[in-house]
């Protein structure tokens, strides 16, 4: 039964799987690093609209406004909005 198994194929398959897993886990750790964003990049008008949107509970509108004003990607803009009122976050004022 085991005489017909091509062991080199199995070994290569395992090596490829493991290398993909290791590369993927490294990328996940790189992605999860916090975004270092300077709120001074946001125009005063957009900043006011974001504040109004957040006070009204319109998080998606706040993300949309931030992306339109700064060109950030969706994930980065969401991260900035999620941490908008965190202690230590600068408001650019």
PDB file of N, CA and C in Angstrom:
ATOM      1  N   UNK A   1       0.814  -1.183   0.000  1.00  0.00           N
ATOM      2  CA  UNK A   1       0.000   0.000   0.000  1.00  0.00           C
ATOM      3  C   UNK A   1       0.873   1.269   0.000  1.00  0.00           C
ATOM      4  N   UNK A   2       1.859   1.350   0.874  1.00  0.00           N
ATOM      5  CA  UNK A   2       2.709   2.531   0.961  1.00  0.00           C
ATOM      6  C   UNK A   2       3.800   2.548  -0.106  1.00  0.00           C
ATOM      7  N   UNK A   3       3.977   1.468  -0.822  1.00  0.00           N
ATOM      8  CA  UNK A   3       5.005   1.430  -1.849  1.00  0.00           C
ATOM      9  C   UNK A   3       4.652   2.352  -3.010  1.00  0.00           C
ATOM     10  N   UNK A   4       3.363   2.613  -3.227  1.00  0.00           N
ATOM     11  CA  UNK A   4       2.957   3.406  -4.382  1.00  0.00           C
ATOM     12  C   UNK A   4       2.874   4.911  -4.062  1.00  0.00           C
ATOM     13  N   UNK A   5       3.109   5.277  -2.835  1.00  0.00           N
ATOM     14  CA  UNK A   5       3.044   6.691  -2.465  1.00  0.00           C
ATOM     15  C   UNK A   5       4.326   7.386  -2.888  1.00  0.00           C
ATOM     16  N   UNK A   6       4.160   8.519  -3.524  1.00  0.00           N
ATOM     17  CA  UNK A   6       5.300   9.334  -3.919  1.00  0.00           C
ATOM     18  C   UNK A   6       5.641  10.257  -2.751  1.00  0.00           C
ATOM     19  N   UNK A   7       6.631   9.898  -1.957  1.00  0.00           N
ATOM     20  CA  UNK A   7       6.975  10.627  -0.747  1.00  0.00           C
ATOM     21  C   UNK A   7       7.506  12.025  -1.050  1.00  0.00           C
ATOM     22  N   UNK A   8       8.153  12.210  -2.174  1.00  0.00           N
ATOM     23  CA  UNK A   8       8.654  13.541  -2.498  1.00  0.00           C
ATOM     24  C   UNK A   8       7.492  14.523  -2.701  1.00  0.00           C
ATOM     25  N   UNK A   9       6.401  14.040  -3.292  1.00  0.00           N
ATOM     26  CA  UNK A   9       5.223  14.884  -3.462  1.00  0.00           C
ATOM     27  C   UNK A   9       4.646  15.289  -2.107  1.00  0.00           C
ATOM     28  N   UNK A  10       4.553  14.364  -1.194  1.00  0.00           N
ATOM     29  CA  UNK A  10       4.017  14.645   0.140  1.00  0.00           C
ATOM     30  C   UNK A  10       4.921  15.624   0.885  1.00  0.00           C
ATOM     31  N   UNK A  11       6.215  15.424   0.801  1.00  0.00           N
ATOM     32  CA  UNK A  11       7.157  16.311   1.489  1.00  0.00           C
ATOM     33  C   UNK A  11       7.060  17.725   0.919  1.00  0.00           C
ATOM     34  N   UNK A  12       7.034  17.854  -0.404  1.00  0.00           N
ATOM     35  CA  UNK A  12       6.924  19.177  -1.026  1.00  0.00           C
ATOM     36  C   UNK A  12       5.594  19.855  -0.662  1.00  0.00           C
ATOM     37  N   UNK A  13       4.525  19.089  -0.622  1.00  0.00           N
ATOM     38  CA  UNK A  13       3.225  19.638  -0.257  1.00  0.00           C
ATOM     39  C   UNK A  13       3.253  20.186   1.163  1.00  0.00           C
ATOM     40  N   UNK A  14       3.827  19.437   2.086  1.00  0.00           N
ATOM     41  CA  UNK A  14       3.920  19.881   3.480  1.00  0.00           C
ATOM     42  C   UNK A  14       4.804  21.118   3.582  1.00  0.00           C
ATOM     43  N   UNK A  15       5.928  21.146   2.884  1.00  0.00           N
ATOM     44  CA  UNK A  15       6.815  22.311   2.922  1.00  0.00           C
ATOM     45  C   UNK A  15       6.139  23.569   2.367  1.00  0.00           C
ATOM     46  N   UNK A  16       5.418  23.416   1.277  1.00  0.00           N
ATOM     47  CA  UNK A  16       4.716  24.557   0.692  1.00  0.00           C
ATOM     48  C   UNK A  16       3.632  25.050   1.638  1.00  0.00           C
ATOM     49  N   UNK A  17       2.894  24.144   2.246  1.00  0.00           N
ATOM     50  CA  UNK A  17       1.856  24.525   3.197  1.00  0.00           C
ATOM     51  C   UNK A  17       2.452  25.275   4.387  1.00  0.00           C
ATOM     52  N   UNK A  18       3.522  24.756   4.945  1.00  0.00           N
ATOM     53  CA  UNK A  18       4.150  25.399   6.101  1.00  0.00           C
ATOM     54  C   UNK A  18       4.723  26.772   5.753  1.00  0.00           C
ATOM     55  N   UNK A  19       5.344  26.897   4.587  1.00  0.00           N
ATOM     56  CA  UNK A  19       5.895  28.198   4.208  1.00  0.00           C
ATOM     57  C   UNK A  19       4.777  29.214   4.006  1.00  0.00           C
ATOM     58  N   UNK A  20       3.669  28.802   3.422  1.00  0.00           N
ATOM     59  CA  UNK A  20       2.521  29.695   3.266  1.00  0.00           C
ATOM     60  C   UNK A  20       1.940  30.108   4.594  1.00  0.00           C
ATOM     61  N   UNK A  21       1.873  29.187   5.515  1.00  0.00           N
ATOM     62  CA  UNK A  21       1.362  29.495   6.853  1.00  0.00           C
ATOM     63  C   UNK A  21       2.264  30.493   7.569  1.00  0.00           C
ATOM     64  N   UNK A  22       3.570  30.296   7.480  1.00  0.00           N
ATOM     65  CA  UNK A  22       4.505  31.198   8.153  1.00  0.00           C
ATOM     66  C   UNK A  22       4.475  32.595   7.549  1.00  0.00           C
ATOM     67  N   UNK A  23       4.415  32.689   6.236  1.00  0.00           N
ATOM     68  CA  UNK A  23       4.344  33.995   5.577  1.00  0.00           C
ATOM     69  C   UNK A  23       3.032  34.681   5.944  1.00  0.00           C
ATOM     70  N   UNK A  24       1.940  33.940   5.949  1.00  0.00           N
ATOM     71  CA  UNK A  24       0.642  34.505   6.304  1.00  0.00           C
ATOM     72  C   UNK A  24       0.588  34.994   7.729  1.00  0.00           C
ATOM     73  N   UNK A  25       1.179  34.266   8.657  1.00  0.00           N
ATOM     74  CA  UNK A  25       1.156  34.694  10.055  1.00  0.00           C
ATOM     75  C   UNK A  25       2.005  35.944  10.246  1.00  0.00           C
ATOM     76  N   UNK A  26       3.084  36.073   9.494  1.00  0.00           N
ATOM     77  CA  UNK A  26       3.907  37.279   9.588  1.00  0.00           C
ATOM     78  C   UNK A  26       3.135  38.472   9.041  1.00  0.00           C
ATOM     79  N   UNK A  27       2.413  38.290   7.951  1.00  0.00           N
ATOM     80  CA  UNK A  27       1.625  39.391   7.385  1.00  0.00           C
ATOM     81  C   UNK A  27       0.510  39.803   8.322  1.00  0.00           C
ATOM     82  N   UNK A  28      -0.120  38.840   8.987  1.00  0.00           N
ATOM     83  CA  UNK A  28      -1.185  39.185   9.930  1.00  0.00           C
ATOM     84  C   UNK A  28      -0.639  40.035  11.061  1.00  0.00           C
ATOM     85  N   UNK A  29       0.565  39.736  11.534  1.00  0.00           N
ATOM     86  CA  UNK A  29       1.126  40.539  12.619  1.00  0.00           C
ATOM     87  C   UNK A  29       1.509  41.926  12.121  1.00  0.00           C
ATOM     88  N   UNK A  30       1.920  42.045  10.873  1.00  0.00           N
ATOM     89  CA  UNK A  30       2.235  43.360  10.318  1.00  0.00           C
ATOM     90  C   UNK A  30       0.973  44.189  10.146  1.00  0.00           C
ATOM     91  N   UNK A  31      -0.105  43.552   9.747  1.00  0.00           N
ATOM     92  CA  UNK A  31      -1.356  44.252   9.517  1.00  0.00           C
ATOM     93  C   UNK A  31      -1.943  44.753  10.830  1.00  0.00           C
ATOM     94  N   UNK A  32      -1.761  44.009  11.904  1.00  0.00           N
ATOM     95  CA  UNK A  32      -2.400  44.371  13.155  1.00  0.00           C
ATOM     96  C   UNK A  32      -1.676  45.487  13.901  1.00  0.00           C
ATOM     97  N   UNK A  33      -0.586  45.981  13.365  1.00  0.00           N
ATOM     98  CA  UNK A  33       0.101  47.089  14.023  1.00  0.00           C
ATOM     99  C   UNK A  33      -0.778  48.327  13.972  1.00  0.00           C
ATOM    100  N   UNK A  34      -0.777  49.122  15.036  1.00  0.00           N
ATOM    101  CA  UNK A  34      -1.631  50.308  15.039  1.00  0.00           C
ATOM    102  C   UNK A  34      -1.186  51.337  14.001  1.00  0.00           C
ATOM    103  N   UNK A  35      -2.164  52.047  13.488  1.00  0.00           N
ATOM    104  CA  UNK A  35      -1.903  53.060  12.475  1.00  0.00           C
ATOM    105  C   UNK A  35      -1.409  54.328  13.157  1.00  0.00           C
ATOM    106  N   UNK A  36      -0.288  54.851  12.690  1.00  0.00           N
ATOM    107  CA  UNK A  36       0.228  56.112  13.201  1.00  0.00           C
ATOM    108  C   UNK A  36      -0.286  57.200  12.264  1.00  0.00           C
ATOM    109  N   UNK A  37      -1.363  57.873  12.677  1.00  0.00           N
ATOM    110  CA  UNK A  37      -2.042  58.828  11.805  1.00  0.00           C
ATOM    111  C   UNK A  37      -2.026  60.209  12.440  1.00  0.00           C
ATOM    112  N   UNK A  38      -1.652  61.189  11.674  1.00  0.00           N
ATOM    113  CA  UNK A  38      -1.622  62.571  12.134  1.00  0.00           C
ATOM    114  C   UNK A  38      -2.943  63.239  11.735  1.00  0.00           C
ATOM    115  N   UNK A  39      -3.737  63.601  12.723  1.00  0.00           N
ATOM    116  CA  UNK A  39      -5.040  64.202  12.440  1.00  0.00           C
ATOM    117  C   UNK A  39      -4.929  65.576  11.797  1.00  0.00           C
ATOM    118  N   UNK A  40      -3.746  66.153  11.785  1.00  0.00           N
ATOM    119  CA  UNK A  40      -3.564  67.440  11.109  1.00  0.00           C
ATOM    120  C   UNK A  40      -3.758  67.307   9.601  1.00  0.00           C
ATOM    121  N   UNK A  41      -3.729  66.067   9.088  1.00  0.00           N
ATOM    122  CA  UNK A  41      -3.975  65.828   7.665  1.00  0.00           C
ATOM    123  C   UNK A  41      -5.442  66.055   7.304  1.00  0.00           C
ATOM    124  N   UNK A  42      -6.325  66.070   8.310  1.00  0.00           N
ATOM    125  CA  UNK A  42      -7.757  66.220   8.061  1.00  0.00           C
ATOM    126  C   UNK A  42      -8.100  67.705   8.029  1.00  0.00           C
ATOM    127  N   UNK A  43      -8.858  68.112   7.025  1.00  0.00           N
ATOM    128  CA  UNK A  43      -9.265  69.514   6.946  1.00  0.00           C
ATOM    129  C   UNK A  43     -10.216  69.835   8.098  1.00  0.00           C
ATOM    130  N   UNK A  44     -10.249  71.086   8.532  1.00  0.00           N
ATOM    131  CA  UNK A  44     -11.153  71.472   9.630  1.00  0.00           C
ATOM    132  C   UNK A  44     -12.623  71.170   9.327  1.00  0.00           C
ATOM    133  N   UNK A  45     -13.034  71.343   8.080  1.00  0.00           N
ATOM    134  CA  UNK A  45     -14.423  71.059   7.705  1.00  0.00           C
ATOM    135  C   UNK A  45     -14.716  69.569   7.864  1.00  0.00           C
ATOM    136  N   UNK A  46     -13.811  68.730   7.362  1.00  0.00           N
ATOM    137  CA  UNK A  46     -14.001  67.281   7.476  1.00  0.00           C
ATOM    138  C   UNK A  46     -13.965  66.850   8.943  1.00  0.00           C
ATOM    139  N   UNK A  47     -13.081  67.448   9.726  1.00  0.00           N
ATOM    140  CA  UNK A  47     -12.994  67.111  11.149  1.00  0.00           C
ATOM    141  C   UNK A  47     -14.317  67.413  11.854  1.00  0.00           C
ATOM    142  N   UNK A  48     -14.920  68.561  11.519  1.00  0.00           N
ATOM    143  CA  UNK A  48     -16.210  68.925  12.116  1.00  0.00           C
ATOM    144  C   UNK A  48     -17.315  67.951  11.681  1.00  0.00           C
ATOM    145  N   UNK A  49     -17.304  67.568  10.409  1.00  0.00           N
ATOM    146  CA  UNK A  49     -18.308  66.598   9.931  1.00  0.00           C
ATOM    147  C   UNK A  49     -18.134  65.246  10.603  1.00  0.00           C
ATOM    148  N   UNK A  50     -16.888  64.833  10.826  1.00  0.00           N
ATOM    149  CA  UNK A  50     -16.628  63.561  11.502  1.00  0.00           C
ATOM    150  C   UNK A  50     -17.146  63.621  12.938  1.00  0.00           C
ATOM    151  N   UNK A  51     -16.859  64.715  13.631  1.00  0.00           N
ATOM    152  CA  UNK A  51     -17.348  64.881  15.009  1.00  0.00           C
ATOM    153  C   UNK A  51     -18.872  64.825  15.046  1.00  0.00           C
ATOM    154  N   UNK A  52     -19.522  65.548  14.134  1.00  0.00           N
ATOM    155  CA  UNK A  52     -20.986  65.554  14.089  1.00  0.00           C
ATOM    156  C   UNK A  52     -21.529  64.154  13.805  1.00  0.00           C
ATOM    157  N   UNK A  53     -20.899  63.454  12.883  1.00  0.00           N
ATOM    158  CA  UNK A  53     -21.346  62.104  12.534  1.00  0.00           C
ATOM    159  C   UNK A  53     -21.206  61.164  13.717  1.00  0.00           C
ATOM    160  N   UNK A  54     -20.087  61.252  14.420  1.00  0.00           N
ATOM    161  CA  UNK A  54     -19.871  60.376  15.566  1.00  0.00           C
ATOM    162  C   UNK A  54     -20.852  60.690  16.696  1.00  0.00           C
ATOM    163  N   UNK A  55     -21.140  61.971  16.929  1.00  0.00           N
ATOM    164  CA  UNK A  55     -22.087  62.338  17.968  1.00  0.00           C
ATOM    165  C   UNK A  55     -23.496  61.866  17.627  1.00  0.00           C
ATOM    166  N   UNK A  56     -23.802  61.779  16.328  1.00  0.00           N
ATOM    167  CA  UNK A  56     -25.111  61.305  15.886  1.00  0.00           C
ATOM    168  C   UNK A  56     -25.156  59.780  15.761  1.00  0.00           C
ATOM    169  N   UNK A  57     -24.035  59.125  16.043  1.00  0.00           N
ATOM    170  CA  UNK A  57     -23.984  57.665  15.946  1.00  0.00           C
ATOM    171  C   UNK A  57     -23.828  57.157  14.527  1.00  0.00           C
ATOM    172  N   UNK A  58     -23.395  58.002  13.625  1.00  0.00           N
ATOM    173  CA  UNK A  58     -23.236  57.647  12.208  1.00  0.00           C
ATOM    174  C   UNK A  58     -21.767  57.345  11.902  1.00  0.00           C
ATOM    175  N   UNK A  59     -21.304  56.212  12.403  1.00  0.00           N
ATOM    176  CA  UNK A  59     -19.896  55.838  12.251  1.00  0.00           C
ATOM    177  C   UNK A  59     -19.504  55.646  10.783  1.00  0.00           C
ATOM    178  N   UNK A  60     -20.385  55.062  10.006  1.00  0.00           N
ATOM    179  CA  UNK A  60     -20.077  54.809   8.589  1.00  0.00           C
ATOM    180  C   UNK A  60     -19.898  56.124   7.845  1.00  0.00           C
ATOM    181  N   UNK A  61     -20.735  57.112   8.143  1.00  0.00           N
ATOM    182  CA  UNK A  61     -20.598  58.422   7.502  1.00  0.00           C
ATOM    183  C   UNK A  61     -19.275  59.075   7.905  1.00  0.00           C
ATOM    184  N   UNK A  62     -18.869  58.890   9.172  1.00  0.00           N
ATOM    185  CA  UNK A  62     -17.588  59.436   9.629  1.00  0.00           C
ATOM    186  C   UNK A  62     -16.428  58.795   8.876  1.00  0.00           C
ATOM    187  N   UNK A  63     -16.490  57.490   8.683  1.00  0.00           N
ATOM    188  CA  UNK A  63     -15.445  56.776   7.936  1.00  0.00           C
ATOM    189  C   UNK A  63     -15.425  57.254   6.492  1.00  0.00           C
ATOM    190  N   UNK A  64     -16.599  57.405   5.901  1.00  0.00           N
ATOM    191  CA  UNK A  64     -16.699  57.865   4.518  1.00  0.00           C
ATOM    192  C   UNK A  64     -16.091  59.267   4.362  1.00  0.00           C
ATOM    193  N   UNK A  65     -16.397  60.157   5.322  1.00  0.00           N
ATOM    194  CA  UNK A  65     -15.857  61.519   5.280  1.00  0.00           C
ATOM    195  C   UNK A  65     -14.338  61.504   5.399  1.00  0.00           C
ATOM    196  N   UNK A  66     -13.820  60.714   6.331  1.00  0.00           N
ATOM    197  CA  UNK A  66     -12.371  60.628   6.519  1.00  0.00           C
ATOM    198  C   UNK A  66     -11.680  60.107   5.264  1.00  0.00           C
ATOM    199  N   UNK A  67     -12.245  59.074   4.660  1.00  0.00           N
ATOM    200  CA  UNK A  67     -11.642  58.512   3.445  1.00  0.00           C
ATOM    201  C   UNK A  67     -11.650  59.516   2.299  1.00  0.00           C
ATOM    202  N   UNK A  68     -12.742  60.250   2.153  1.00  0.00           N
ATOM    203  CA  UNK A  68     -12.841  61.234   1.072  1.00  0.00           C
ATOM    204  C   UNK A  68     -11.838  62.364   1.263  1.00  0.00           C
ATOM    205  N   UNK A  69     -11.604  62.743   2.514  1.00  0.00           N
ATOM    206  CA  UNK A  69     -10.720  63.872   2.784  1.00  0.00           C
ATOM    207  C   UNK A  69      -9.239  63.493   2.735  1.00  0.00           C
ATOM    208  N   UNK A  70      -8.906  62.273   3.166  1.00  0.00           N
ATOM    209  CA  UNK A  70      -7.493  61.903   3.305  1.00  0.00           C
ATOM    210  C   UNK A  70      -7.011  60.869   2.291  1.00  0.00           C
ATOM    211  N   UNK A  71      -7.923  60.132   1.680  1.00  0.00           N
ATOM    212  CA  UNK A  71      -7.509  59.080   0.755  1.00  0.00           C
ATOM    213  C   UNK A  71      -7.100  57.793   1.455  1.00  0.00           C
ATOM    214  N   UNK A  72      -7.393  57.674   2.753  1.00  0.00           N
ATOM    215  CA  UNK A  72      -7.061  56.451   3.469  1.00  0.00           C
ATOM    216  C   UNK A  72      -7.887  55.280   2.951  1.00  0.00           C
ATOM    217  N   UNK A  73      -7.364  54.078   3.129  1.00  0.00           N
ATOM    218  CA  UNK A  73      -8.113  52.881   2.804  1.00  0.00           C
ATOM    219  C   UNK A  73      -9.180  52.628   3.856  1.00  0.00           C
ATOM    220  N   UNK A  74     -10.085  51.708   3.557  1.00  0.00           N
ATOM    221  CA  UNK A  74     -11.201  51.429   4.456  1.00  0.00           C
ATOM    222  C   UNK A  74     -10.743  50.959   5.833  1.00  0.00           C
ATOM    223  N   UNK A  75      -9.805  50.036   5.869  1.00  0.00           N
ATOM    224  CA  UNK A  75      -9.345  49.482   7.150  1.00  0.00           C
ATOM    225  C   UNK A  75      -8.663  50.547   7.999  1.00  0.00           C
ATOM    226  N   UNK A  76      -7.817  51.354   7.379  1.00  0.00           N
ATOM    227  CA  UNK A  76      -7.121  52.401   8.125  1.00  0.00           C
ATOM    228  C   UNK A  76      -8.089  53.475   8.607  1.00  0.00           C
ATOM    229  N   UNK A  77      -9.033  53.861   7.758  1.00  0.00           N
ATOM    230  CA  UNK A  77     -10.006  54.876   8.160  1.00  0.00           C
ATOM    231  C   UNK A  77     -10.865  54.374   9.310  1.00  0.00           C
ATOM    232  N   UNK A  78     -11.265  53.115   9.265  1.00  0.00           N
ATOM    233  CA  UNK A  78     -12.059  52.540  10.350  1.00  0.00           C
ATOM    234  C   UNK A  78     -11.256  52.535  11.644  1.00  0.00           C
ATOM    235  N   UNK A  79      -9.981  52.215  11.559  1.00  0.00           N
ATOM    236  CA  UNK A  79      -9.120  52.210  12.733  1.00  0.00           C
ATOM    237  C   UNK A  79      -9.017  53.608  13.350  1.00  0.00           C
ATOM    238  N   UNK A  80      -8.879  54.619  12.513  1.00  0.00           N
ATOM    239  CA  UNK A  80      -8.788  55.998  13.012  1.00  0.00           C
ATOM    240  C   UNK A  80     -10.102  56.389  13.698  1.00  0.00           C
ATOM    241  N   UNK A  81     -11.228  56.083  13.063  1.00  0.00           N
ATOM    242  CA  UNK A  81     -12.527  56.437  13.640  1.00  0.00           C
ATOM    243  C   UNK A  81     -12.783  55.651  14.921  1.00  0.00           C
ATOM    244  N   UNK A  82     -12.420  54.376  14.937  1.00  0.00           N
ATOM    245  CA  UNK A  82     -12.608  53.573  16.155  1.00  0.00           C
ATOM    246  C   UNK A  82     -11.837  54.153  17.331  1.00  0.00           C
ATOM    247  N   UNK A  83     -10.694  54.771  17.066  1.00  0.00           N
ATOM    248  CA  UNK A  83      -9.854  55.326  18.128  1.00  0.00           C
ATOM    249  C   UNK A  83      -9.967  56.846  18.226  1.00  0.00           C
ATOM    250  N   UNK A  84     -11.007  57.424  17.662  1.00  0.00           N
ATOM    251  CA  UNK A  84     -11.142  58.876  17.577  1.00  0.00           C
ATOM    252  C   UNK A  84     -11.132  59.538  18.950  1.00  0.00           C
ATOM    253  N   UNK A  85     -11.846  58.962  19.901  1.00  0.00           N
ATOM    254  CA  UNK A  85     -11.958  59.581  21.234  1.00  0.00           C
ATOM    255  C   UNK A  85     -11.117  58.865  22.281  1.00  0.00           C
ATOM    256  N   UNK A  86     -10.131  58.077  21.850  1.00  0.00           N
ATOM    257  CA  UNK A  86      -9.266  57.378  22.789  1.00  0.00           C
ATOM    258  C   UNK A  86      -8.362  58.368  23.513  1.00  0.00           C
ATOM    259  N   UNK A  87      -8.054  58.100  24.789  1.00  0.00           N
ATOM    260  CA  UNK A  87      -7.099  58.968  25.494  1.00  0.00           C
ATOM    261  C   UNK A  87      -5.749  58.963  24.780  1.00  0.00           C
ATOM    262  N   UNK A  88      -5.171  60.116  24.658  1.00  0.00           N
ATOM    263  CA  UNK A  88      -3.855  60.226  24.019  1.00  0.00           C
ATOM    264  C   UNK A  88      -3.942  60.474  22.533  1.00  0.00           C
ATOM    265  N   UNK A  89      -5.146  60.356  21.954  1.00  0.00           N
ATOM    266  CA  UNK A  89      -5.302  60.644  20.531  1.00  0.00           C
ATOM    267  C   UNK A  89      -5.290  62.143  20.350  1.00  0.00           C
ATOM    268  N   UNK A  90      -4.481  62.609  19.417  1.00  0.00           N
ATOM    269  CA  UNK A  90      -4.392  64.055  19.203  1.00  0.00           C
ATOM    270  C   UNK A  90      -5.520  64.490  18.309  1.00  0.00           C
ATOM    271  N   UNK A  91      -6.071  65.661  18.595  1.00  0.00           N
ATOM    272  CA  UNK A  91      -7.168  66.146  17.774  1.00  0.00           C
ATOM    273  C   UNK A  91      -6.727  67.197  16.776  1.00  0.00           C
ATOM    274  N   UNK A  92      -5.426  67.488  16.755  1.00  0.00           N
ATOM    275  CA  UNK A  92      -4.909  68.428  15.789  1.00  0.00           C
ATOM    276  C   UNK A  92      -5.166  69.875  16.165  1.00  0.00           C
ATOM    277  N   UNK A  93      -5.734  70.113  17.338  1.00  0.00           N
ATOM    278  CA  UNK A  93      -6.021  71.495  17.753  1.00  0.00           C
ATOM    279  C   UNK A  93      -4.859  72.101  18.496  1.00  0.00           C
TER     280      UNK A  93
END
